[in-house]
Amino acid sequence: MRKILAVALMAGGLSTYGVGASAETTWDMPTPYPDGNFLTQNVRQFAADVEKMSGGELKITVHSGASLFKMPEIKRAVRTGQAQIGEILLSAYGNENAIFEVDGVPFLATGYDNAWKLWEAQKPVLTDVLAEENLMPLFSGVWPGQGLYNQEEISSTSQMQGVKFRAYNAATSRLAELMGAVPTTVQYAEVPQAFSTGLVSAMLTSATTGVDVKSWDFLKVFYKTDAMHPKNLVFVNKDAFAALDDKTKQAVLDASAAAEKRAWEQSKVEAANAVKELGDNGMAVLDPPASLIADLEKIGAQMTKEWQEKAGENGQRLLDAYKAM
């Protein structure tokens, strides 16, 4: 009787699975940023597009603000099938593989045009790296360019000697060291307090972040260096993608292409609005002088060399492709 019952239960389970496979499929999508963030809004539009374009065959439930998994956990969650699709800040995973953090190397790819070329060079290499973990990239979202904030105007990095510099990752810490500044790790939420107490007095971050933390309350100058454009990546578990029918797969790919274009265009709008807001609130918004650019590019070349040595053959392949564009 026990064997008969077990067979009956198994048959019932297989039947239920079969019905589910032919009906609506639901994916969970953890993301690290809140709903007000323009990249999160883009992801929600992507999910809506997938549902519409697939004729309701695939529904993606977006779990924003790290509500399902914290950002350091998202990649593993998708790899292990706890979620089918996810979004991460690529450079946050640089400790796993240097390929993830190339867009965090300052002054390697300044401005949106170069950032896009770097993404075009990075994507094939990244695809190979992710495939080893049964993952597949779908589309990128880009952050506004990182600018240099300081208390006074400067014409050379020699004027940054001894300055307490806010760092938020290994790259910005190394940048500070090469400028002669003193790196101090300060997380996003702690920025206003760190400046008001004198813990730091300069930083490299986007105009958007500068607006978020009301940088005009404690800083006077913003240089539009566009030092780098960190990227978010939306990626999928390959088994989950393979389980879709051809129509639904194409819906995901088409919605991804539209989402990537939309994210990059929106980032430019966000950047322009944020730079204007810095100026409107009394900050001096300046283009860096040629002498400062020359110093920063020299530092960028040093950091690029260090990154390539860490990234090995894949890093050289990526840089060769980028330089050829």
C-alpha atoms as a PDB file:
ATOM      1  CA  MET A   1       0.000   0.000   0.000  1.00  0.00           C
ATOM      2  CA  ARG A   2       2.857   2.346   0.833  1.00  0.00           C
ATOM      3  CA  LYS A   3       4.395   1.729  -2.599  1.00  0.00           C
ATOM      4  CA  ILE A   4       1.054   2.339  -4.316  1.00  0.00           C
ATOM      5  CA  LEU A   5       0.597   5.580  -2.346  1.00  0.00           C
ATOM      6  CA  ALA A   6       4.121   6.735  -3.216  1.00  0.00           C
ATOM      7  CA  VAL A   7       3.559   6.071  -6.913  1.00  0.00           C
ATOM      8  CA  ALA A   8       0.233   7.904  -6.778  1.00  0.00           C
ATOM      9  CA  LEU A   9       1.836  10.918  -5.096  1.00  0.00           C
ATOM     10  CA  MET A  10       4.673  10.961  -7.618  1.00  0.00           C
ATOM     11  CA  ALA A  11       2.222  10.786 -10.489  1.00  0.00           C
ATOM     12  CA  GLY A  12       0.255  13.649  -8.987  1.00  0.00           C
ATOM     13  CA  GLY A  13       3.421  15.722  -8.613  1.00  0.00           C
ATOM     14  CA  LEU A  14       4.463  15.090 -12.200  1.00  0.00           C
ATOM     15  CA  SER A  15       1.017  15.996 -13.415  1.00  0.00           C
ATOM     16  CA  THR A  16       1.089  19.270 -11.467  1.00  0.00           C
ATOM     17  CA  TYR A  17       4.542  20.047 -12.843  1.00  0.00           C
ATOM     18  CA  GLY A  18       3.337  19.404 -16.353  1.00  0.00           C
ATOM     19  CA  VAL A  19       0.408  21.770 -15.946  1.00  0.00           C
ATOM     20  CA  GLY A  20       2.698  24.449 -14.487  1.00  0.00           C
ATOM     21  CA  ALA A  21       5.154  24.085 -17.357  1.00  0.00           C
ATOM     22  CA  SER A  22       2.460  24.727 -19.936  1.00  0.00           C
ATOM     23  CA  ALA A  23       0.840  27.574 -18.018  1.00  0.00           C
ATOM     24  CA  GLU A  24       2.241  30.834 -16.679  1.00  0.00           C
ATOM     25  CA  THR A  25       5.841  30.723 -15.468  1.00  0.00           C
ATOM     26  CA  THR A  26       6.855  32.987 -12.591  1.00  0.00           C
ATOM     27  CA  TRP A  27      10.387  34.190 -11.898  1.00  0.00           C
ATOM     28  CA  ASP A  28      11.664  35.933  -8.779  1.00  0.00           C
ATOM     29  CA  MET A  29      14.032  38.850  -9.394  1.00  0.00           C
ATOM     30  CA  PRO A  30      15.980  40.288  -6.443  1.00  0.00           C
ATOM     31  CA  THR A  31      17.484  43.759  -6.965  1.00  0.00           C
ATOM     32  CA  PRO A  32      19.663  45.823  -4.600  1.00  0.00           C
ATOM     33  CA  TYR A  33      18.240  49.336  -4.985  1.00  0.00           C
ATOM     34  CA  PRO A  34      14.959  50.998  -3.880  1.00  0.00           C
ATOM     35  CA  ASP A  35      11.995  51.718  -6.112  1.00  0.00           C
ATOM     36  CA  GLY A  36      12.892  55.395  -6.461  1.00  0.00           C
ATOM     37  CA  ASN A  37      16.152  54.515  -8.212  1.00  0.00           C
ATOM     38  CA  PHE A  38      16.018  54.970 -11.999  1.00  0.00           C
ATOM     39  CA  LEU A  39      17.658  51.578 -12.606  1.00  0.00           C
ATOM     40  CA  THR A  40      15.045  49.851 -10.454  1.00  0.00           C
ATOM     41  CA  GLN A  41      12.310  51.655 -12.356  1.00  0.00           C
ATOM     42  CA  ASN A  42      13.902  50.396 -15.562  1.00  0.00           C
ATOM     43  CA  VAL A  43      13.885  46.820 -14.256  1.00  0.00           C
ATOM     44  CA  ARG A  44      10.191  47.089 -13.387  1.00  0.00           C
ATOM     45  CA  GLN A  45       9.468  48.276 -16.931  1.00  0.00           C
ATOM     46  CA  PHE A  46      11.507  45.338 -18.250  1.00  0.00           C
ATOM     47  CA  ALA A  47       9.386  42.917 -16.206  1.00  0.00           C
ATOM     48  CA  ALA A  48       6.179  44.493 -17.512  1.00  0.00           C
ATOM     49  CA  ASP A  49       7.474  44.283 -21.091  1.00  0.00           C
ATOM     50  CA  VAL A  50       8.364  40.590 -20.708  1.00  0.00           C
ATOM     51  CA  GLU A  51       4.890  39.749 -19.436  1.00  0.00           C
ATOM     52  CA  LYS A  52       3.243  41.667 -22.286  1.00  0.00           C
ATOM     53  CA  MET A  53       5.552  40.422 -25.044  1.00  0.00           C
ATOM     54  CA  SER A  54       5.291  36.812 -23.903  1.00  0.00           C
ATOM     55  CA  GLY A  55       1.512  36.974 -23.900  1.00  0.00           C
ATOM     56  CA  GLY A  56       1.466  36.401 -20.148  1.00  0.00           C
ATOM     57  CA  GLU A  57       3.564  33.226 -20.377  1.00  0.00           C
ATOM     58  CA  LEU A  58       6.297  34.670 -18.119  1.00  0.00           C
ATOM     59  CA  LYS A  59       5.742  36.906 -15.108  1.00  0.00           C
ATOM     60  CA  ILE A  60       8.769  38.377 -13.308  1.00  0.00           C
ATOM     61  CA  THR A  61       8.239  39.451  -9.703  1.00  0.00           C
ATOM     62  CA  VAL A  62      10.729  42.213  -8.830  1.00  0.00           C
ATOM     63  CA  HIS A  63      11.910  42.246  -5.208  1.00  0.00           C
ATOM     64  CA  SER A  64      13.542  45.681  -4.925  1.00  0.00           C
ATOM     65  CA  GLY A  65      15.613  47.243  -2.153  1.00  0.00           C
ATOM     66  CA  ALA A  66      17.417  44.005  -1.239  1.00  0.00           C
ATOM     67  CA  SER A  67      14.143  42.752   0.229  1.00  0.00           C
ATOM     68  CA  LEU A  68      14.588  39.151  -0.959  1.00  0.00           C
ATOM     69  CA  PHE A  69      18.396  38.863  -0.935  1.00  0.00           C
ATOM     70  CA  LYS A  70      21.072  41.368  -0.009  1.00  0.00           C
ATOM     71  CA  MET A  71      23.254  42.442  -2.908  1.00  0.00           C
ATOM     72  CA  PRO A  72      26.269  40.241  -2.006  1.00  0.00           C
ATOM     73  CA  GLU A  73      23.883  37.252  -1.972  1.00  0.00           C
ATOM     74  CA  ILE A  74      22.038  37.857  -5.254  1.00  0.00           C
ATOM     75  CA  LYS A  75      24.495  36.262  -7.661  1.00  0.00           C
ATOM     76  CA  ARG A  76      24.713  33.061  -5.642  1.00  0.00           C
ATOM     77  CA  ALA A  77      20.924  32.969  -5.262  1.00  0.00           C
ATOM     78  CA  VAL A  78      20.465  33.028  -9.047  1.00  0.00           C
ATOM     79  CA  ARG A  79      23.274  30.538  -9.612  1.00  0.00           C
ATOM     80  CA  THR A  80      21.731  28.045  -7.188  1.00  0.00           C
ATOM     81  CA  GLY A  81      18.196  28.538  -8.495  1.00  0.00           C
ATOM     82  CA  GLN A  82      16.808  30.251  -5.392  1.00  0.00           C
ATOM     83  CA  ALA A  83      15.894  33.035  -7.821  1.00  0.00           C
ATOM     84  CA  GLN A  84      15.776  32.774 -11.602  1.00  0.00           C
ATOM     85  CA  ILE A  85      16.976  36.281 -12.489  1.00  0.00           C
ATOM     86  CA  GLY A  86      18.687  39.102 -10.641  1.00  0.00           C
ATOM     87  CA  GLU A  87      20.436  42.461 -10.755  1.00  0.00           C
ATOM     88  CA  ILE A  88      23.804  43.363  -9.222  1.00  0.00           C
ATOM     89  CA  LEU A  89      26.409  46.124  -9.222  1.00  0.00           C
ATOM     90  CA  LEU A  90      29.099  44.379 -11.255  1.00  0.00           C
ATOM     91  CA  SER A  91      32.126  45.899  -9.555  1.00  0.00           C
ATOM     92  CA  ALA A  92      30.895  44.715  -6.160  1.00  0.00           C
ATOM     93  CA  TYR A  93      31.917  41.199  -7.234  1.00  0.00           C
ATOM     94  CA  GLY A  94      35.473  42.087  -8.180  1.00  0.00           C
ATOM     95  CA  ASN A  95      36.822  39.913  -5.380  1.00  0.00           C
ATOM     96  CA  GLU A  96      35.441  36.883  -7.262  1.00  0.00           C
ATOM     97  CA  ASN A  97      36.839  37.792 -10.663  1.00  0.00           C
ATOM     98  CA  ALA A  98      38.593  40.966 -11.834  1.00  0.00           C
ATOM     99  CA  ILE A  99      36.495  40.951 -15.033  1.00  0.00           C
ATOM    100  CA  PHE A 100      33.535  42.105 -12.956  1.00  0.00           C
ATOM    101  CA  GLU A 101      35.274  45.305 -11.826  1.00  0.00           C
ATOM    102  CA  VAL A 102      36.851  46.690 -15.001  1.00  0.00           C
ATOM    103  CA  ASP A 103      34.287  49.510 -15.116  1.00  0.00           C
ATOM    104  CA  GLY A 104      35.461  50.525 -11.647  1.00  0.00           C
ATOM    105  CA  VAL A 105      38.968  51.349 -12.882  1.00  0.00           C
ATOM    106  CA  PRO A 106      39.156  55.171 -12.834  1.00  0.00           C
ATOM    107  CA  PHE A 107      39.982  56.978 -16.075  1.00  0.00           C
ATOM    108  CA  LEU A 108      40.070  53.836 -18.196  1.00  0.00           C
ATOM    109  CA  ALA A 109      36.809  54.732 -19.942  1.00  0.00           C
ATOM    110  CA  THR A 110      35.700  58.308 -19.303  1.00  0.00           C
ATOM    111  CA  GLY A 111      32.316  59.468 -20.534  1.00  0.00           C
ATOM    112  CA  TYR A 112      29.336  57.529 -21.843  1.00  0.00           C
ATOM    113  CA  ASP A 113      30.737  56.809 -25.311  1.00  0.00           C
ATOM    114  CA  ASN A 114      33.867  55.168 -23.903  1.00  0.00           C
ATOM    115  CA  ALA A 115      31.838  53.440 -21.191  1.00  0.00           C
ATOM    116  CA  TRP A 116      29.685  51.848 -23.903  1.00  0.00           C
ATOM    117  CA  LYS A 117      32.772  50.707 -25.819  1.00  0.00           C
ATOM    118  CA  LEU A 118      34.153  49.192 -22.626  1.00  0.00           C
ATOM    119  CA  TRP A 119      30.864  47.331 -22.116  1.00  0.00           C
ATOM    120  CA  GLU A 120      30.993  46.030 -25.688  1.00  0.00           C
ATOM    121  CA  ALA A 121      34.508  44.732 -25.002  1.00  0.00           C
ATOM    122  CA  GLN A 122      33.602  43.365 -21.584  1.00  0.00           C
ATOM    123  CA  LYS A 123      30.405  41.542 -22.515  1.00  0.00           C
ATOM    124  CA  PRO A 124      31.905  38.583 -24.481  1.00  0.00           C
ATOM    125  CA  VAL A 125      34.483  37.947 -21.769  1.00  0.00           C
ATOM    126  CA  LEU A 126      31.891  38.351 -19.038  1.00  0.00           C
ATOM    127  CA  THR A 127      29.562  35.952 -20.876  1.00  0.00           C
ATOM    128  CA  ASP A 128      32.259  33.270 -20.818  1.00  0.00           C
ATOM    129  CA  VAL A 129      33.016  33.860 -17.137  1.00  0.00           C
ATOM    130  CA  LEU A 130      29.337  33.709 -16.138  1.00  0.00           C
ATOM    131  CA  ALA A 131      28.715  30.602 -18.259  1.00  0.00           C
ATOM    132  CA  GLU A 132      31.084  28.710 -15.965  1.00  0.00           C
ATOM    133  CA  GLU A 133      28.526  29.348 -13.199  1.00  0.00           C
ATOM    134  CA  ASN A 134      25.513  28.506 -15.378  1.00  0.00           C
ATOM    135  CA  LEU A 135      24.589  32.195 -15.682  1.00  0.00           C
ATOM    136  CA  MET A 136      23.878  34.399 -18.709  1.00  0.00           C
ATOM    137  CA  PRO A 137      23.965  38.219 -18.967  1.00  0.00           C
ATOM    138  CA  LEU A 138      20.835  39.913 -20.284  1.00  0.00           C
ATOM    139  CA  PHE A 139      21.496  43.655 -20.135  1.00  0.00           C
ATOM    140  CA  SER A 140      23.443  46.388 -18.400  1.00  0.00           C
ATOM    141  CA  GLY A 141      22.383  49.583 -16.705  1.00  0.00           C
ATOM    142  CA  VAL A 142      24.928  52.359 -16.270  1.00  0.00           C
ATOM    143  CA  TRP A 143      25.445  54.892 -13.495  1.00  0.00           C
ATOM    144  CA  PRO A 144      26.263  58.559 -14.149  1.00  0.00           C
ATOM    145  CA  GLY A 145      29.956  59.388 -14.359  1.00  0.00           C
ATOM    146  CA  GLN A 146      31.989  59.747 -11.186  1.00  0.00           C
ATOM    147  CA  GLY A 147      33.247  63.264 -10.467  1.00  0.00           C
ATOM    148  CA  LEU A 148      35.812  64.709  -8.074  1.00  0.00           C
ATOM    149  CA  TYR A 149      34.464  66.664  -5.100  1.00  0.00           C
ATOM    150  CA  ASN A 150      36.764  68.960  -3.146  1.00  0.00           C
ATOM    151  CA  GLN A 151      36.757  71.927  -0.797  1.00  0.00           C
ATOM    152  CA  GLU A 152      38.695  74.156  -3.198  1.00  0.00           C
ATOM    153  CA  GLU A 153      39.719  74.415  -6.820  1.00  0.00           C
ATOM    154  CA  ILE A 154      42.890  72.525  -7.772  1.00  0.00           C
ATOM    155  CA  SER A 155      45.049  72.263 -10.886  1.00  0.00           C
ATOM    156  CA  SER A 156      47.139  69.228  -9.925  1.00  0.00           C
ATOM    157  CA  THR A 157      46.807  66.054  -7.882  1.00  0.00           C
ATOM    158  CA  SER A 158      49.812  67.283  -5.888  1.00  0.00           C
ATOM    159  CA  GLN A 159      47.313  69.567  -4.137  1.00  0.00           C
ATOM    160  CA  MET A 160      45.563  66.447  -2.803  1.00  0.00           C
ATOM    161  CA  GLN A 161      48.563  65.452  -0.685  1.00  0.00           C
ATOM    162  CA  GLY A 162      47.401  64.487   2.793  1.00  0.00           C
ATOM    163  CA  VAL A 163      43.720  65.192   2.042  1.00  0.00           C
ATOM    164  CA  LYS A 164      41.337  62.820   3.821  1.00  0.00           C
ATOM    165  CA  PHE A 165      39.603  61.107   0.912  1.00  0.00           C
ATOM    166  CA  ARG A 166      36.375  59.141   1.128  1.00  0.00           C
ATOM    167  CA  ALA A 167      36.785  55.640  -0.368  1.00  0.00           C
ATOM    168  CA  TYR A 168      33.978  53.135  -0.940  1.00  0.00           C
ATOM    169  CA  ASN A 169      35.855  50.258  -2.592  1.00  0.00           C
ATOM    170  CA  ALA A 170      39.369  49.056  -3.380  1.00  0.00           C
ATOM    171  CA  ALA A 171      39.619  51.148  -6.555  1.00  0.00           C
ATOM    172  CA  THR A 172      38.759  54.483  -4.927  1.00  0.00           C
ATOM    173  CA  SER A 173      41.103  53.661  -2.067  1.00  0.00           C
ATOM    174  CA  ARG A 174      43.940  52.998  -4.511  1.00  0.00           C
ATOM    175  CA  LEU A 175      43.091  56.186  -6.415  1.00  0.00           C
ATOM    176  CA  ALA A 176      43.427  58.183  -3.207  1.00  0.00           C
ATOM    177  CA  GLU A 177      46.797  56.594  -2.465  1.00  0.00           C
ATOM    178  CA  LEU A 178      48.148  57.401  -5.927  1.00  0.00           C
ATOM    179  CA  MET A 179      47.029  61.028  -5.533  1.00  0.00           C
ATOM    180  CA  GLY A 180      48.841  61.228  -2.219  1.00  0.00           C
ATOM    181  CA  ALA A 181      45.574  61.520  -0.307  1.00  0.00           C
ATOM    182  CA  VAL A 182      44.605  59.505   2.753  1.00  0.00           C
ATOM    183  CA  PRO A 183      41.820  56.996   1.959  1.00  0.00           C
ATOM    184  CA  THR A 184      39.117  56.475   4.551  1.00  0.00           C
ATOM    185  CA  THR A 185      36.318  53.985   3.921  1.00  0.00           C
ATOM    186  CA  VAL A 186      32.920  55.640   4.331  1.00  0.00           C
ATOM    187  CA  GLN A 187      29.703  53.938   3.255  1.00  0.00           C
ATOM    188  CA  TYR A 188      26.990  55.781   1.359  1.00  0.00           C
ATOM    189  CA  ALA A 189      24.670  56.395   4.310  1.00  0.00           C
ATOM    190  CA  GLU A 190      27.510  57.797   6.432  1.00  0.00           C
ATOM    191  CA  VAL A 191      28.798  60.377   3.942  1.00  0.00           C
ATOM    192  CA  PRO A 192      27.181  63.556   5.388  1.00  0.00           C
ATOM    193  CA  GLN A 193      28.300  62.769   8.921  1.00  0.00           C
ATOM    194  CA  ALA A 194      31.831  61.884   7.802  1.00  0.00           C
ATOM    195  CA  PHE A 195      32.232  65.263   6.116  1.00  0.00           C
ATOM    196  CA  SER A 196      30.569  67.271   8.879  1.00  0.00           C
ATOM    197  CA  THR A 197      32.900  65.750  11.491  1.00  0.00           C
ATOM    198  CA  GLY A 198      36.046  66.204   9.384  1.00  0.00           C
ATOM    199  CA  LEU A 199      36.653  62.492   8.932  1.00  0.00           C
ATOM    200  CA  VAL A 200      36.973  63.151   5.179  1.00  0.00           C
ATOM    201  CA  SER A 201      37.096  66.291   3.044  1.00  0.00           C
ATOM    202  CA  ALA A 202      37.063  65.044  -0.575  1.00  0.00           C
ATOM    203  CA  MET A 203      35.523  62.212  -2.598  1.00  0.00           C
ATOM    204  CA  LEU A 204      34.961  60.710  -6.035  1.00  0.00           C
ATOM    205  CA  THR A 205      31.344  59.832  -6.775  1.00  0.00           C
ATOM    206  CA  SER A 206      28.526  60.658  -9.176  1.00  0.00           C
ATOM    207  CA  ALA A 207      26.588  63.905  -9.280  1.00  0.00           C
ATOM    208  CA  THR A 208      23.512  61.818  -8.483  1.00  0.00           C
ATOM    209  CA  THR A 209      25.021  60.652  -5.216  1.00  0.00           C
ATOM    210  CA  GLY A 210      26.155  64.207  -4.532  1.00  0.00           C
ATOM    211  CA  VAL A 211      22.552  65.355  -4.780  1.00  0.00           C
ATOM    212  CA  ASP A 212      21.312  62.467  -2.651  1.00  0.00           C
ATOM    213  CA  VAL A 213      23.665  63.379   0.222  1.00  0.00           C
ATOM    214  CA  LYS A 214      23.271  67.191  -0.272  1.00  0.00           C
ATOM    215  CA  SER A 215      26.989  67.591  -0.846  1.00  0.00           C
ATOM    216  CA  TRP A 216      26.626  71.385  -1.095  1.00  0.00           C
ATOM    217  CA  ASP A 217      26.205  71.415   2.695  1.00  0.00           C
ATOM    218  CA  PHE A 218      29.856  70.418   3.186  1.00  0.00           C
ATOM    219  CA  LEU A 219      31.700  70.768  -0.153  1.00  0.00           C
ATOM    220  CA  LYS A 220      32.290  73.621  -2.575  1.00  0.00           C
ATOM    221  CA  VAL A 221      33.680  72.227  -5.839  1.00  0.00           C
ATOM    222  CA  PHE A 222      32.597  69.468  -8.242  1.00  0.00           C
ATOM    223  CA  TYR A 223      34.835  68.535 -11.168  1.00  0.00           C
ATOM    224  CA  LYS A 224      33.076  66.763 -14.059  1.00  0.00           C
ATOM    225  CA  THR A 225      35.770  64.149 -14.573  1.00  0.00           C
ATOM    226  CA  ASP A 226      33.465  61.255 -15.572  1.00  0.00           C
ATOM    227  CA  ALA A 227      36.218  59.077 -14.124  1.00  0.00           C
ATOM    228  CA  MET A 228      34.250  55.873 -14.634  1.00  0.00           C
ATOM    229  CA  HIS A 229      30.706  54.656 -15.178  1.00  0.00           C
ATOM    230  CA  PRO A 230      30.006  51.644 -12.937  1.00  0.00           C
ATOM    231  CA  LYS A 231      27.388  49.278 -14.331  1.00  0.00           C
ATOM    232  CA  ASN A 232      24.587  47.152 -13.001  1.00  0.00           C
ATOM    233  CA  LEU A 233      24.005  43.787 -14.649  1.00  0.00           C
ATOM    234  CA  VAL A 234      20.752  41.892 -15.076  1.00  0.00           C
ATOM    235  CA  PHE A 235      21.468  38.204 -15.557  1.00  0.00           C
ATOM    236  CA  VAL A 236      19.588  34.905 -15.602  1.00  0.00           C
ATOM    237  CA  ASN A 237      20.054  31.290 -14.581  1.00  0.00           C
ATOM    238  CA  LYS A 238      20.716  29.424 -17.847  1.00  0.00           C
ATOM    239  CA  ASP A 239      18.561  26.436 -16.875  1.00  0.00           C
ATOM    240  CA  ALA A 240      15.623  28.727 -16.140  1.00  0.00           C
ATOM    241  CA  PHE A 241      16.070  30.450 -19.493  1.00  0.00           C
ATOM    242  CA  ALA A 242      16.445  27.144 -21.354  1.00  0.00           C
ATOM    243  CA  ALA A 243      13.145  25.917 -19.878  1.00  0.00           C
ATOM    244  CA  LEU A 244      11.206  28.672 -21.668  1.00  0.00           C
ATOM    245  CA  ASP A 245       9.584  28.120 -25.033  1.00  0.00           C
ATOM    246  CA  ASP A 246      11.088  29.894 -28.034  1.00  0.00           C
ATOM    247  CA  LYS A 247       8.521  32.702 -28.079  1.00  0.00           C
ATOM    248  CA  THR A 248       9.097  33.519 -24.427  1.00  0.00           C
ATOM    249  CA  LYS A 249      12.879  33.370 -24.800  1.00  0.00           C
ATOM    250  CA  GLN A 250      12.641  35.912 -27.600  1.00  0.00           C
ATOM    251  CA  ALA A 251      10.394  38.098 -25.452  1.00  0.00           C
ATOM    252  CA  VAL A 252      13.060  38.145 -22.728  1.00  0.00           C
ATOM    253  CA  LEU A 253      15.808  38.995 -25.217  1.00  0.00           C
ATOM    254  CA  ASP A 254      13.787  41.729 -26.944  1.00  0.00           C
ATOM    255  CA  ALA A 255      12.738  43.274 -23.613  1.00  0.00           C
ATOM    256  CA  SER A 256      16.382  43.130 -22.493  1.00  0.00           C
ATOM    257  CA  ALA A 257      17.584  45.039 -25.554  1.00  0.00           C
ATOM    258  CA  ALA A 258      14.955  47.715 -24.974  1.00  0.00           C
ATOM    259  CA  ALA A 259      15.798  47.917 -21.265  1.00  0.00           C
ATOM    260  CA  GLU A 260      19.509  48.384 -21.911  1.00  0.00           C
ATOM    261  CA  LYS A 261      18.914  51.217 -24.380  1.00  0.00           C
ATOM    262  CA  ARG A 262      16.438  52.855 -21.994  1.00  0.00           C
ATOM    263  CA  ALA A 263      18.777  52.577 -18.981  1.00  0.00           C
ATOM    264  CA  TRP A 264      21.727  54.200 -20.748  1.00  0.00           C
ATOM    265  CA  GLU A 265      19.582  57.029 -22.103  1.00  0.00           C
ATOM    266  CA  GLN A 266      17.964  57.636 -18.717  1.00  0.00           C
ATOM    267  CA  SER A 267      21.359  57.683 -17.018  1.00  0.00           C
ATOM    268  CA  LYS A 268      22.409  60.609 -19.215  1.00  0.00           C
ATOM    269  CA  VAL A 269      19.252  62.489 -18.225  1.00  0.00           C
ATOM    270  CA  GLU A 270      19.845  61.704 -14.549  1.00  0.00           C
ATOM    271  CA  ALA A 271      23.445  62.893 -14.811  1.00  0.00           C
ATOM    272  CA  ALA A 272      22.539  66.209 -16.459  1.00  0.00           C
ATOM    273  CA  ASN A 273      19.778  66.902 -13.948  1.00  0.00           C
ATOM    274  CA  ALA A 274      22.032  66.098 -11.006  1.00  0.00           C
ATOM    275  CA  VAL A 275      24.898  68.290 -12.237  1.00  0.00           C
ATOM    276  CA  LYS A 276      22.455  71.170 -12.683  1.00  0.00           C
ATOM    277  CA  GLU A 277      21.104  70.640  -9.171  1.00  0.00           C
ATOM    278  CA  LEU A 278      24.605  70.793  -7.691  1.00  0.00           C
ATOM    279  CA  GLY A 279      25.131  74.142  -9.383  1.00  0.00           C
ATOM    280  CA  ASP A 280      21.694  75.422  -8.431  1.00  0.00           C
ATOM    281  CA  ASN A 281      22.567  74.752  -4.791  1.00  0.00           C
ATOM    282  CA  GLY A 282      25.737  76.817  -4.894  1.00  0.00           C
ATOM    283  CA  MET A 283      28.485  74.388  -5.796  1.00  0.00           C
ATOM    284  CA  ALA A 284      31.118  75.370  -8.361  1.00  0.00           C
ATOM    285  CA  VAL A 285      30.583  72.855 -11.183  1.00  0.00           C
ATOM    286  CA  LEU A 286      33.765  72.851 -13.257  1.00  0.00           C
ATOM    287  CA  ASP A 287      35.506  71.057 -16.086  1.00  0.00           C
ATOM    288  CA  PRO A 288      38.885  69.891 -14.777  1.00  0.00           C
ATOM    289  CA  PRO A 289      41.879  71.862 -16.119  1.00  0.00           C
ATOM    290  CA  ALA A 290      44.189  70.107 -18.569  1.00  0.00           C
ATOM    291  CA  SER A 291      46.948  69.794 -15.966  1.00  0.00           C
ATOM    292  CA  LEU A 292      44.631  67.964 -13.575  1.00  0.00           C
ATOM    293  CA  ILE A 293      43.338  65.712 -16.349  1.00  0.00           C
ATOM    294  CA  ALA A 294      46.924  64.784 -17.261  1.00  0.00           C
ATOM    295  CA  ASP A 295      47.657  63.791 -13.646  1.00  0.00           C
ATOM    296  CA  LEU A 296      44.477  61.763 -13.360  1.00  0.00           C
ATOM    297  CA  GLU A 297      45.036  59.981 -16.674  1.00  0.00           C
ATOM    298  CA  LYS A 298      48.520  59.004 -15.503  1.00  0.00           C
ATOM    299  CA  ILE A 299      47.002  57.500 -12.367  1.00  0.00           C
ATOM    300  CA  GLY A 300      44.368  55.776 -14.507  1.00  0.00           C
ATOM    301  CA  ALA A 301      47.068  54.182 -16.656  1.00  0.00           C
ATOM    302  CA  GLN A 302      48.792  52.856 -13.542  1.00  0.00           C
ATOM    303  CA  MET A 303      45.550  51.422 -12.176  1.00  0.00           C
ATOM    304  CA  THR A 304      44.678  49.882 -15.551  1.00  0.00           C
ATOM    305  CA  LYS A 305      48.055  48.137 -15.614  1.00  0.00           C
ATOM    306  CA  GLU A 306      47.504  46.815 -12.087  1.00  0.00           C
ATOM    307  CA  TRP A 307      44.020  45.606 -13.028  1.00  0.00           C
ATOM    308  CA  GLN A 308      45.272  43.825 -16.155  1.00  0.00           C
ATOM    309  CA  GLU A 309      47.932  41.983 -14.158  1.00  0.00           C
ATOM    310  CA  LYS A 310      45.227  40.801 -11.770  1.00  0.00           C
ATOM    311  CA  ALA A 311      42.790  39.864 -14.553  1.00  0.00           C
ATOM    312  CA  GLY A 312      45.350  37.861 -16.547  1.00  0.00           C
ATOM    313  CA  GLU A 313      44.608  36.606 -20.071  1.00  0.00           C
ATOM    314  CA  ASN A 314      40.932  37.520 -19.916  1.00  0.00           C
ATOM    315  CA  GLY A 315      41.862  41.036 -18.869  1.00  0.00           C
ATOM    316  CA  GLN A 316      44.283  41.411 -21.764  1.00  0.00           C
ATOM    317  CA  ARG A 317      41.660  40.088 -24.183  1.00  0.00           C
ATOM    318  CA  LEU A 318      39.170  42.667 -22.880  1.00  0.00           C
ATOM    319  CA  LEU A 319      41.599  45.589 -23.043  1.00  0.00           C
ATOM    320  CA  ASP A 320      42.769  44.642 -26.540  1.00  0.00           C
ATOM    321  CA  ALA A 321      39.159  44.618 -27.744  1.00  0.00           C
ATOM    322  CA  TYR A 322      38.461  47.973 -26.079  1.00  0.00           C
ATOM    323  CA  LYS A 323      41.538  49.663 -27.516  1.00  0.00           C
ATOM    324  CA  ALA A 324      40.648  48.385 -30.991  1.00  0.00           C
ATOM    325  CA  MET A 325      37.274  50.176 -30.961  1.00  0.00           C
END
